[in-house]
Amino acid sequence: MNRDGNAGNLRLVPGKGKSTARPEAPFDALAFVQSLTATLEFETVLQRLHEQLYALLQHSGWIFYTEGDEQSWSGGEDDRHRIEYGLSYNGASMGSLILMRGRRFSDAEQQQIEAVLGLAAPALHNAHRYRRLVSTLETDELTGLGNRRAFEIQGAKWLADCRRQDRPLSVLAIDLDHFKRINDDYGHSVGDELLRRVADTLRTATRQSDLLVRMGGEEFLAVLPGADLACAMECAERIRLAIGSTRATATADDASALQSEGMVRVTASIGVASVGRNTTLQALYQKADEALYAAKQSGRNRVLAGH
């Protein structure tokens, strides 16, 4: 069993819990389980779990993080006392839950926590598997960035959020210049390595909250929530310079290719577009793509804004 301030590994099994924190509103285990199994959205399941734990404990803060993909969710504020559970179900790890508050967690409260987690285990496990499946469907296999599906689904959500919050949103259309020559001269293995390095460069040059997508071939997109046109242009120029400094190593496989040995570099042209009053996601992409085409036509290795 976990103790206050120590991390542990809890193997989740169905359990029964009884709340003493609010005797006037006893814990309805069936209603709790039904609320969790009504959705496969991982964030929703996690939020409903947190709400039930808060009803029992009145904790001041919480953190849930998954292993492997380094994703985390949190709420409230950090506090003096912590209790942590490493969660697994049927041998499959789901992550770790940390609860925080100003006073220690009693043995009775820890039993309540374990009972609630036991009831939540199947729903949390199913939602976690569904989340990983969706993530796989929305990930480009070569670079690990999002793919076209991720742009269409996540981008639409972010556009709707920005509209609701009256915040700007911008899209960068990024295309590597003369990339076909690299594949022809050095081979697709070198081209693939360069694409992976460009993807790493994009991650470094943008915020964690930005959506990075490989649309196919040597074309990338960056969706920047909260960024107006001026901020997006600055980001695009930073990306252009960073890609220009990216290198991949080409090694000749045979005597006829010896002159192709060495460090391979690439440049990028970038089109920038920001959301208007009635702009759809597809229209925003098209506007950025038209600006990209104009950048290509005007000499490549440059940034242009759509009009």
Protein backbone atom coordinates (compact mmCIF):
# COMPACT_ATOMS: atom_id res chain seq x y z
CA MET A 1 0.00 0.00 0.00
CA ASN A 2 1.21 3.55 -0.74
CA ARG A 3 2.12 5.89 2.04
CA ASP A 4 2.07 9.68 2.02
CA GLY A 5 4.94 11.10 0.03
CA ASN A 6 6.06 7.80 -1.50
CA ALA A 7 5.60 6.46 -5.00
CA GLY A 8 4.22 2.97 -5.37
CA ASN A 9 2.80 0.59 -7.93
CA LEU A 10 -0.87 -0.26 -7.52
CA ARG A 11 -2.23 -3.21 -9.48
CA LEU A 12 -5.81 -2.16 -10.04
CA VAL A 13 -8.54 -4.67 -9.27
CA PRO A 14 -12.25 -4.05 -8.70
CA GLY A 15 -12.88 -2.95 -5.12
CA LYS A 16 -15.53 -1.46 -2.89
CA GLY A 17 -15.18 1.90 -1.24
CA LYS A 18 -17.27 3.94 1.17
CA SER A 19 -16.83 7.67 1.58
CA THR A 20 -16.83 9.18 5.07
CA ALA A 21 -16.03 12.69 3.83
CA ARG A 22 -19.64 13.49 2.92
CA PRO A 23 -22.02 11.17 4.78
CA GLU A 24 -25.01 13.16 3.49
CA ALA A 25 -24.10 12.13 -0.08
CA PRO A 26 -22.78 8.56 0.02
CA PHE A 27 -20.56 7.30 -2.78
CA ASP A 28 -22.69 5.74 -5.53
CA ALA A 29 -20.28 3.21 -7.02
CA LEU A 30 -22.65 2.14 -9.81
CA ALA A 31 -23.30 5.71 -10.98
CA PHE A 32 -19.56 6.41 -10.86
CA VAL A 33 -18.70 3.40 -13.02
CA GLN A 34 -21.50 4.20 -15.47
CA SER A 35 -20.22 7.77 -15.85
CA LEU A 36 -16.76 6.46 -16.73
CA THR A 37 -17.88 3.79 -19.18
CA ALA A 38 -20.14 6.26 -21.02
CA THR A 39 -17.11 7.61 -22.93
CA LEU A 40 -13.79 6.50 -24.43
CA GLU A 41 -12.29 9.99 -24.30
CA PHE A 42 -9.28 9.61 -22.02
CA GLU A 43 -9.36 13.20 -20.75
CA THR A 44 -13.04 12.89 -19.86
CA VAL A 45 -12.52 9.64 -17.94
CA LEU A 46 -9.58 11.21 -16.12
CA GLN A 47 -11.58 14.31 -15.23
CA ARG A 48 -14.49 12.28 -13.83
CA LEU A 49 -12.05 10.19 -11.79
CA HIS A 50 -10.52 13.37 -10.40
CA GLU A 51 -13.93 14.81 -9.52
CA GLN A 52 -14.82 11.70 -7.52
CA LEU A 53 -11.49 11.70 -5.69
CA TYR A 54 -11.93 15.39 -4.88
CA ALA A 55 -15.37 14.69 -3.42
CA LEU A 56 -13.69 12.27 -1.01
CA LEU A 57 -10.41 14.06 -0.28
CA GLN A 58 -10.70 17.75 -1.14
CA HIS A 59 -7.11 17.68 -2.38
CA SER A 60 -5.54 20.87 -3.70
CA GLY A 61 -3.78 19.51 -6.80
CA TRP A 62 -3.33 16.45 -9.00
CA ILE A 63 -1.06 15.19 -11.79
CA PHE A 64 -1.52 12.19 -14.06
CA TYR A 65 1.24 11.22 -16.46
CA THR A 66 1.64 8.32 -18.85
CA GLU A 67 4.83 6.38 -19.44
CA GLY A 68 6.57 6.22 -22.78
CA ASP A 69 4.92 9.18 -24.53
CA GLU A 70 5.61 11.61 -21.64
CA GLN A 71 2.08 13.05 -21.69
CA SER A 72 0.70 14.63 -18.53
CA TRP A 73 -2.50 16.20 -17.24
CA SER A 74 -2.80 18.30 -14.10
CA GLY A 75 -5.03 20.63 -12.15
CA GLY A 76 -5.08 22.70 -8.98
CA GLU A 77 -1.95 23.72 -7.12
CA ASP A 78 1.15 22.05 -5.74
CA ASP A 79 1.04 21.41 -2.00
CA ARG A 80 3.04 20.06 0.92
CA HIS A 81 1.91 16.43 1.08
CA ARG A 82 1.81 14.07 -1.91
CA ILE A 83 0.70 10.54 -2.54
CA GLU A 84 1.50 8.73 -5.78
CA TYR A 85 0.14 5.56 -7.38
CA GLY A 86 1.68 3.81 -10.35
CA LEU A 87 -1.34 2.40 -12.17
CA SER A 88 -1.57 -0.87 -14.08
CA TYR A 89 -4.41 -3.13 -15.15
CA ASN A 90 -4.10 -6.75 -16.25
CA GLY A 91 -0.36 -6.25 -16.49
CA ALA A 92 -0.62 -3.16 -18.73
CA SER A 93 0.80 0.09 -17.37
CA MET A 94 -1.43 3.15 -17.62
CA GLY A 95 0.72 5.78 -15.91
CA SER A 96 0.94 7.40 -12.48
CA LEU A 97 -1.43 9.51 -10.42
CA ILE A 98 -0.22 12.09 -7.88
CA LEU A 99 -2.55 13.77 -5.39
CA MET A 100 -1.48 16.77 -3.28
CA ARG A 101 -2.84 18.72 -0.34
CA GLY A 102 -1.75 20.56 2.82
CA ARG A 103 -2.45 17.75 5.30
CA ARG A 104 -1.40 14.12 5.24
CA PHE A 105 -3.49 11.40 3.67
CA SER A 106 -4.74 9.03 6.35
CA ASP A 107 -4.78 5.23 6.06
CA ALA A 108 -8.56 5.32 5.70
CA GLU A 109 -8.32 7.85 2.89
CA GLN A 110 -5.73 5.75 1.11
CA GLN A 111 -8.13 2.82 1.25
CA GLN A 112 -10.81 5.04 -0.30
CA ILE A 113 -8.41 6.11 -3.05
CA GLU A 114 -7.52 2.51 -3.85
CA ALA A 115 -11.19 1.52 -3.93
CA VAL A 116 -12.03 4.33 -6.36
CA LEU A 117 -9.05 3.51 -8.55
CA GLY A 118 -10.07 -0.12 -8.57
CA LEU A 119 -13.54 0.78 -9.81
CA ALA A 120 -12.10 3.14 -12.42
CA ALA A 121 -9.48 0.68 -13.69
CA PRO A 122 -11.37 -0.96 -16.61
CA ALA A 123 -12.67 2.34 -18.00
CA LEU A 124 -9.31 4.04 -17.60
CA HIS A 125 -7.58 1.11 -19.29
CA ASN A 126 -10.00 1.09 -22.24
CA ALA A 127 -9.76 4.85 -22.70
CA HIS A 128 -5.97 4.68 -22.53
CA ARG A 129 -5.88 1.97 -25.23
CA TYR A 130 -8.29 3.97 -27.39
CA ARG A 131 -6.15 7.08 -27.00
CA ARG A 132 -3.04 5.19 -28.08
CA LEU A 133 -4.86 3.71 -31.06
CA VAL A 134 -6.07 7.13 -32.19
CA SER A 135 -2.57 8.53 -31.68
CA THR A 136 -1.16 5.82 -33.95
CA LEU A 137 -3.72 6.58 -36.65
CA GLU A 138 -2.79 10.27 -36.49
CA THR A 139 1.01 9.84 -36.53
CA ASP A 140 3.36 9.89 -39.49
CA GLU A 141 5.40 6.70 -39.26
CA LEU A 142 8.66 8.14 -40.62
CA THR A 143 8.95 11.35 -38.61
CA GLY A 144 6.68 10.83 -35.60
CA LEU A 145 4.86 14.07 -36.40
CA GLY A 146 1.13 14.25 -36.98
CA ASN A 147 -0.28 13.23 -40.35
CA ARG A 148 -3.06 14.65 -42.55
CA ARG A 149 -5.70 13.02 -40.32
CA ALA A 150 -4.21 14.75 -37.27
CA PHE A 151 -4.37 18.09 -39.07
CA GLU A 152 -7.99 17.61 -40.03
CA ILE A 153 -9.13 16.42 -36.59
CA GLN A 154 -6.90 18.27 -34.13
CA GLY A 155 -6.63 21.36 -36.30
CA ALA A 156 -10.41 21.66 -36.48
CA LYS A 157 -10.66 21.39 -32.69
CA TRP A 158 -8.03 24.06 -32.17
CA LEU A 159 -9.64 26.37 -34.70
CA ALA A 160 -12.98 25.99 -32.91
CA ASP A 161 -11.30 26.68 -29.54
CA CYS A 162 -9.58 29.80 -30.86
CA ARG A 163 -12.83 31.10 -32.31
CA ARG A 164 -14.67 30.49 -29.04
CA GLN A 165 -11.92 32.23 -27.04
CA ASP A 166 -11.47 35.01 -29.63
CA ARG A 167 -7.79 34.09 -30.05
CA PRO A 168 -5.73 34.14 -33.27
CA LEU A 169 -4.50 31.02 -35.04
CA SER A 170 -1.99 30.67 -37.88
CA VAL A 171 -0.85 27.93 -40.24
CA LEU A 172 2.60 27.54 -41.79
CA ALA A 173 2.93 25.53 -45.00
CA ILE A 174 6.54 24.33 -45.24
CA ASP A 175 8.09 22.65 -48.27
CA LEU A 176 11.70 21.55 -48.69
CA ASP A 177 13.35 23.02 -51.77
CA HIS A 178 14.59 20.70 -54.55
CA PHE A 179 14.11 17.66 -52.33
CA LYS A 180 13.71 15.33 -55.29
CA ARG A 181 17.34 16.03 -56.23
CA ILE A 182 18.48 14.75 -52.83
CA ASN A 183 16.63 11.48 -53.30
CA ASP A 184 17.99 11.16 -56.84
CA ASP A 185 21.59 12.02 -55.94
CA TYR A 186 21.95 10.36 -52.54
CA GLY A 187 19.15 7.80 -52.33
CA HIS A 188 15.92 7.59 -50.36
CA SER A 189 17.65 6.46 -47.16
CA VAL A 190 19.49 9.79 -47.00
CA GLY A 191 16.29 11.62 -47.92
CA ASP A 192 14.41 9.86 -45.14
CA GLU A 193 17.13 10.71 -42.63
CA LEU A 194 16.95 14.35 -43.67
CA LEU A 195 13.15 14.33 -43.24
CA ARG A 196 13.55 12.95 -39.71
CA ARG A 197 16.09 15.66 -38.90
CA VAL A 198 13.83 18.36 -40.29
CA ALA A 199 11.03 17.00 -38.07
CA ASP A 200 13.34 17.28 -35.04
CA THR A 201 14.21 20.83 -36.12
CA LEU A 202 10.52 21.74 -36.28
CA ARG A 203 9.98 20.40 -32.76
CA THR A 204 12.87 22.50 -31.46
CA ALA A 205 11.80 25.68 -33.27
CA THR A 206 8.14 25.60 -32.14
CA ARG A 207 6.19 25.41 -28.90
CA GLN A 208 4.99 22.18 -27.36
CA SER A 209 1.42 23.40 -27.82
CA ASP A 210 1.83 23.75 -31.62
CA LEU A 211 0.63 21.01 -33.96
CA LEU A 212 3.31 19.73 -36.35
CA VAL A 213 2.24 17.67 -39.36
CA ARG A 214 3.88 15.92 -42.27
CA MET A 215 1.32 16.17 -45.03
CA GLY A 216 3.27 13.85 -47.31
CA GLY A 217 6.57 13.78 -49.17
CA GLU A 218 8.60 16.86 -48.18
CA GLU A 219 5.60 19.00 -47.19
CA PHE A 220 5.01 19.94 -43.55
CA LEU A 221 2.47 22.06 -41.69
CA ALA A 222 2.65 23.88 -38.38
CA VAL A 223 -0.58 24.98 -36.69
CA LEU A 224 0.08 27.76 -34.18
CA PRO A 225 -2.85 28.43 -31.79
CA GLY A 226 -2.70 31.88 -30.24
CA ALA A 227 -0.27 33.23 -32.85
CA ASP A 228 -1.28 36.20 -34.98
CA LEU A 229 0.29 36.90 -38.39
CA ALA A 230 3.27 38.82 -36.98
CA CYS A 231 4.13 36.06 -34.48
CA ALA A 232 3.62 33.40 -37.16
CA MET A 233 5.99 35.21 -39.54
CA GLU A 234 8.66 35.33 -36.82
CA CYS A 235 8.19 31.62 -36.15
CA ALA A 236 8.38 30.83 -39.87
CA GLU A 237 11.62 32.73 -40.26
CA ARG A 238 13.07 30.92 -37.26
CA ILE A 239 12.09 27.60 -38.83
CA ARG A 240 13.54 28.59 -42.21
CA LEU A 241 16.91 29.44 -40.66
CA ALA A 242 16.91 26.29 -38.52
CA ILE A 243 16.14 24.02 -41.49
CA GLY A 244 18.90 25.72 -43.47
CA SER A 245 21.33 24.60 -40.76
CA THR A 246 20.09 21.00 -40.77
CA ARG A 247 22.46 18.38 -42.17
CA ALA A 248 22.35 14.67 -42.99
CA THR A 249 25.33 12.44 -43.76
CA ALA A 250 25.51 10.82 -47.19
CA THR A 251 27.80 7.81 -47.62
CA ALA A 252 28.55 6.44 -51.07
CA ASP A 253 27.43 2.84 -51.54
CA ASP A 254 29.47 2.25 -54.67
CA ALA A 255 32.28 3.80 -56.71
CA SER A 256 29.93 5.59 -59.09
CA ALA A 257 28.45 7.59 -56.19
CA LEU A 258 31.68 8.61 -54.48
CA GLN A 259 31.29 12.22 -55.55
CA SER A 260 28.00 12.33 -53.67
CA GLU A 261 29.60 11.60 -50.31
CA GLY A 262 29.43 14.23 -47.57
CA MET A 263 27.00 16.38 -45.64
CA VAL A 264 23.65 17.02 -47.30
CA ARG A 265 21.75 20.22 -46.55
CA VAL A 266 18.36 21.51 -47.58
CA THR A 267 16.45 24.80 -47.54
CA ALA A 268 12.73 25.45 -47.10
CA SER A 269 10.10 27.78 -48.49
CA ILE A 270 7.26 28.72 -46.13
CA GLY A 271 3.81 30.21 -46.64
CA VAL A 272 1.99 31.80 -43.71
CA ALA A 273 -1.74 32.39 -43.20
CA SER A 274 -3.78 33.57 -40.22
CA VAL A 275 -7.41 32.92 -39.46
CA GLY A 276 -9.99 35.45 -40.59
CA ARG A 277 -13.52 36.04 -39.35
CA ASN A 278 -15.08 33.18 -41.33
CA THR A 279 -12.03 31.16 -42.34
CA THR A 280 -12.36 27.38 -42.37
CA LEU A 281 -9.42 25.11 -41.65
CA GLN A 282 -9.23 24.00 -45.28
CA ALA A 283 -9.37 27.61 -46.51
CA LEU A 284 -6.59 28.53 -44.09
CA TYR A 285 -4.45 25.67 -45.40
CA GLN A 286 -5.13 26.69 -48.99
CA LYS A 287 -4.17 30.30 -48.24
CA ALA A 288 -0.89 29.18 -46.65
CA ASP A 289 -0.24 26.82 -49.55
CA GLU A 290 -0.76 29.63 -52.07
CA ALA A 291 1.74 31.77 -50.17
CA LEU A 292 4.14 28.82 -50.21
CA TYR A 293 3.78 28.54 -53.98
CA ALA A 294 4.52 32.26 -54.30
CA ALA A 295 7.65 31.81 -52.17
CA LYS A 296 8.78 29.02 -54.49
CA GLN A 297 8.13 31.14 -57.57
CA SER A 298 10.04 34.11 -56.18
CA GLY A 299 13.25 32.19 -55.58
CA ARG A 300 12.72 29.66 -52.75
CA ASN A 301 14.30 29.65 -49.28
CA ARG A 302 12.03 32.45 -48.08
CA VAL A 303 8.87 33.22 -46.09
CA LEU A 304 5.78 34.87 -47.54
CA ALA A 305 2.41 35.69 -46.01
CA GLY A 306 -0.88 34.89 -47.73
CA HIS A 307 -3.26 37.69 -48.66
